[in-house]
């Protein structure tokens, strides 16, 4: 998709073309897994503080 966005008219779609470059380096799976890690860390911290299991 980023390649298609880069082919758009630079004057009419300057913002979209800028975002296209950023999208190329973005990894949705990596971001998802980082989010899961944050949630799990929060659960572990809560369990340790409360002693709940």
Protein backbone atom coordinates (compact mmCIF):
# COMPACT_ATOMS: atom_id res chain seq x y z
CA UNK A 1 0.00 0.00 0.00
CA UNK A 2 2.83 2.42 0.77
CA UNK A 3 4.12 2.06 -2.80
CA UNK A 4 0.71 3.03 -4.18
CA UNK A 5 0.54 6.06 -1.90
CA UNK A 6 4.00 7.20 -3.01
CA UNK A 7 2.77 7.22 -6.61
CA UNK A 8 0.07 9.81 -5.83
CA UNK A 9 0.40 13.40 -6.99
CA UNK A 10 2.91 15.03 -4.58
CA UNK A 11 1.10 18.38 -4.55
CA UNK A 12 -2.38 16.98 -3.97
CA UNK A 13 -1.34 14.25 -1.52
CA UNK A 14 1.76 15.53 0.27
CA UNK A 15 0.67 14.26 3.69
CA UNK A 16 -0.25 10.80 2.37
CA UNK A 17 3.09 10.49 0.64
CA UNK A 18 4.89 11.40 3.86
CA UNK A 19 2.96 8.77 5.83
CA UNK A 20 3.71 6.17 3.13
CA UNK A 21 7.39 6.34 4.00
CA UNK A 22 6.64 5.78 7.68
CA UNK A 23 4.32 2.85 6.94
CA UNK A 24 7.05 0.96 5.17
CA UNK A 25 9.00 0.59 8.41
CA UNK A 26 5.97 -0.08 10.64
CA UNK A 27 5.43 -3.64 11.84
CA UNK A 28 1.86 -4.23 13.07
CA UNK A 29 2.70 -7.64 14.52
CA UNK A 30 5.58 -6.24 16.53
CA UNK A 31 3.40 -3.43 17.90
CA UNK A 32 0.63 -5.90 18.77
CA UNK A 33 3.03 -8.14 20.67
CA UNK A 34 4.43 -5.15 22.55
CA UNK A 35 0.88 -4.27 23.59
CA UNK A 36 0.27 -7.82 24.81
CA UNK A 37 3.49 -7.62 26.84
CA UNK A 38 2.31 -4.40 28.50
CA UNK A 39 -1.07 -5.92 29.40
CA UNK A 40 0.52 -9.08 30.80
CA UNK A 41 3.04 -7.07 32.81
CA UNK A 42 0.14 -5.10 34.31
CA UNK A 43 -1.67 -8.30 35.26
CA UNK A 44 1.46 -9.76 36.87
CA UNK A 45 2.08 -6.56 38.83
CA UNK A 46 -1.52 -6.47 40.06
CA UNK A 47 -1.41 -10.11 41.14
CA UNK A 48 1.85 -9.59 43.01
CA UNK A 49 0.54 -6.49 44.81
CA UNK A 50 -2.76 -8.00 45.82
CA UNK A 51 -1.64 -11.58 46.32
CA UNK A 52 -4.57 -12.67 44.16
CA UNK A 53 -4.21 -15.77 42.05
